[in-house]
Amino acid sequence: MNVLNTKAGPALVYVAAGGAAIYFAWRVVNKIFPKVAEALNPTSDQNLAYRGVNAAGAAVTGDAAFSLGGFLFDVFHEPYDPNRPAAGKAQAELTNTLPVDPKSRPQFLK
C-alpha cells in the first residue's frame, strides 16, 4: 500500500488504532460494567448528567417530577389553552379547507 509510505500513513494507522481501541474499550466496559456504561451513555435518560440536573431541579423547585426540558418549555412557551382558537391566517385556512357538504369530500376520505 502506497498510502502507508507517505507522511499521512502513520497518522492513518494511529487514528485507526485509536478508534479500534476506543471501540473495544467501550464494548468491555459495556459488558463488564453495564451500570457504568449506562451512566456514561449520552443518549440515555439514566445518565449521570440527566439524573443530576433533574435531582437538583427537583430539590430547588420541590417538584418531584422536575425535568430540565419541561422547565425550559414552560419558561419559553405560554400555557396551553384548549379553548383558545387558532390565531390569524391558520384559523382562516382551517375553516376554509373543511368541507361543508359531505358529498364534496375528496374520494379518498369517503
Protein backbone atom coordinates (compact mmCIF):
# COMPACT_ATOMS: atom_id res chain seq x y z
CA MET A 1 0.00 0.00 0.00
CA ASN A 2 1.49 3.28 -1.11
CA VAL A 3 -0.54 5.32 1.40
CA LEU A 4 1.45 3.93 4.32
CA ASN A 5 4.70 5.14 2.72
CA THR A 6 3.57 8.79 2.78
CA LYS A 7 3.61 11.26 5.67
CA ALA A 8 -0.12 10.65 6.24
CA GLY A 9 0.39 6.89 6.57
CA PRO A 10 1.41 6.79 10.24
CA ALA A 11 -1.38 9.22 11.12
CA LEU A 12 -3.94 6.95 9.47
CA VAL A 13 -2.57 3.98 11.37
CA TYR A 14 -2.76 5.89 14.68
CA VAL A 15 -6.30 7.08 14.02
CA ALA A 16 -7.47 3.58 13.08
CA ALA A 17 -5.75 2.01 16.09
CA GLY A 18 -7.15 4.66 18.43
CA GLY A 19 -10.67 4.19 17.06
CA ALA A 20 -10.42 0.44 17.42
CA ALA A 21 -9.09 0.79 20.99
CA ILE A 22 -11.96 3.11 21.97
CA TYR A 23 -14.49 0.76 20.37
CA PHE A 24 -13.18 -2.33 22.14
CA ALA A 25 -12.80 -0.48 25.45
CA TRP A 26 -16.43 0.63 25.20
CA ARG A 27 -17.52 -2.95 24.49
CA VAL A 28 -15.58 -4.25 27.51
CA VAL A 29 -16.99 -1.56 29.80
CA ASN A 30 -20.48 -2.20 28.47
CA LYS A 31 -20.18 -5.93 29.04
CA ILE A 32 -18.43 -5.93 32.42
CA PHE A 33 -19.89 -2.77 33.92
CA PRO A 34 -23.33 -2.20 32.38
CA LYS A 35 -24.32 0.35 35.05
CA VAL A 36 -21.21 2.40 34.31
CA ALA A 37 -21.89 2.22 30.58
CA GLU A 38 -25.49 3.33 31.15
CA ALA A 39 -24.36 6.22 33.36
CA LEU A 40 -21.95 7.44 30.65
CA ASN A 41 -24.28 6.92 27.67
CA PRO A 42 -25.21 10.43 26.44
CA THR A 43 -28.47 9.23 24.84
CA SER A 44 -29.79 7.56 27.99
CA ASP A 45 -32.28 9.12 30.36
CA GLN A 46 -30.38 7.38 33.16
CA ASN A 47 -27.01 9.05 32.57
CA LEU A 48 -25.32 10.99 35.36
CA ALA A 49 -25.86 14.47 33.93
CA TYR A 50 -29.57 13.92 33.27
CA ARG A 51 -30.24 12.46 36.70
CA GLY A 52 -28.09 15.07 38.45
CA VAL A 53 -29.71 18.09 36.80
CA ASN A 54 -33.21 16.75 37.36
CA ALA A 55 -32.48 15.86 41.00
CA ALA A 56 -31.09 19.34 41.66
CA GLY A 57 -34.10 20.93 39.95
CA ALA A 58 -36.47 18.77 41.98
CA ALA A 59 -34.73 19.83 45.18
CA VAL A 60 -34.90 23.53 44.27
CA THR A 61 -38.48 23.61 42.95
CA GLY A 62 -40.00 20.96 45.21
CA ASP A 63 -41.48 19.21 42.16
CA ALA A 64 -40.58 15.50 42.32
CA ALA A 65 -41.27 15.10 38.58
CA PHE A 66 -39.00 18.01 37.56
CA SER A 67 -37.17 17.78 34.24
CA LEU A 68 -34.99 20.48 32.73
CA GLY A 69 -36.58 20.09 29.31
CA GLY A 70 -40.09 20.51 30.70
CA PHE A 71 -38.98 23.51 32.75
CA LEU A 72 -37.43 25.23 29.73
CA PHE A 73 -40.55 24.54 27.67
CA ASP A 74 -42.70 26.13 30.39
CA VAL A 75 -40.41 29.18 30.56
CA PHE A 76 -40.38 29.86 26.81
CA HIS A 77 -43.99 28.94 25.90
CA GLU A 78 -47.28 30.30 27.11
CA PRO A 79 -49.64 27.90 28.88
CA TYR A 80 -51.75 25.72 26.62
CA ASP A 81 -55.43 26.66 26.46
CA PRO A 82 -57.52 24.08 24.58
CA ASN A 83 -60.42 26.55 24.30
CA ARG A 84 -58.42 29.25 22.51
CA PRO A 85 -58.98 29.25 18.75
CA ALA A 86 -56.04 29.13 16.39
CA ALA A 87 -54.76 32.59 15.56
CA GLY A 88 -54.86 34.55 12.33
CA LYS A 89 -54.27 33.01 8.94
CA ALA A 90 -54.02 29.44 10.22
CA GLN A 91 -57.57 29.64 11.62
CA ALA A 92 -58.90 31.06 8.34
CA GLU A 93 -57.19 28.34 6.32
CA LEU A 94 -58.52 25.67 8.66
CA THR A 95 -62.13 26.81 8.33
CA ASN A 96 -61.81 27.31 4.57
CA THR A 97 -60.50 23.80 3.98
CA LEU A 98 -63.19 21.94 5.90
CA PRO A 99 -65.86 20.56 3.53
CA VAL A 100 -69.34 21.89 4.14
CA ASP A 101 -71.19 19.27 2.13
CA PRO A 102 -70.26 15.60 2.79
CA LYS A 103 -70.60 14.94 -0.97
CA SER A 104 -67.80 17.44 -1.64
CA ARG A 105 -65.25 15.39 0.31
CA PRO A 106 -62.30 14.05 -1.66
CA GLN A 107 -62.64 10.49 -2.92
CA PHE A 108 -60.03 9.05 -0.52
CA LEU A 109 -61.94 10.37 2.51
CA LYS A 110 -65.22 8.64 1.61
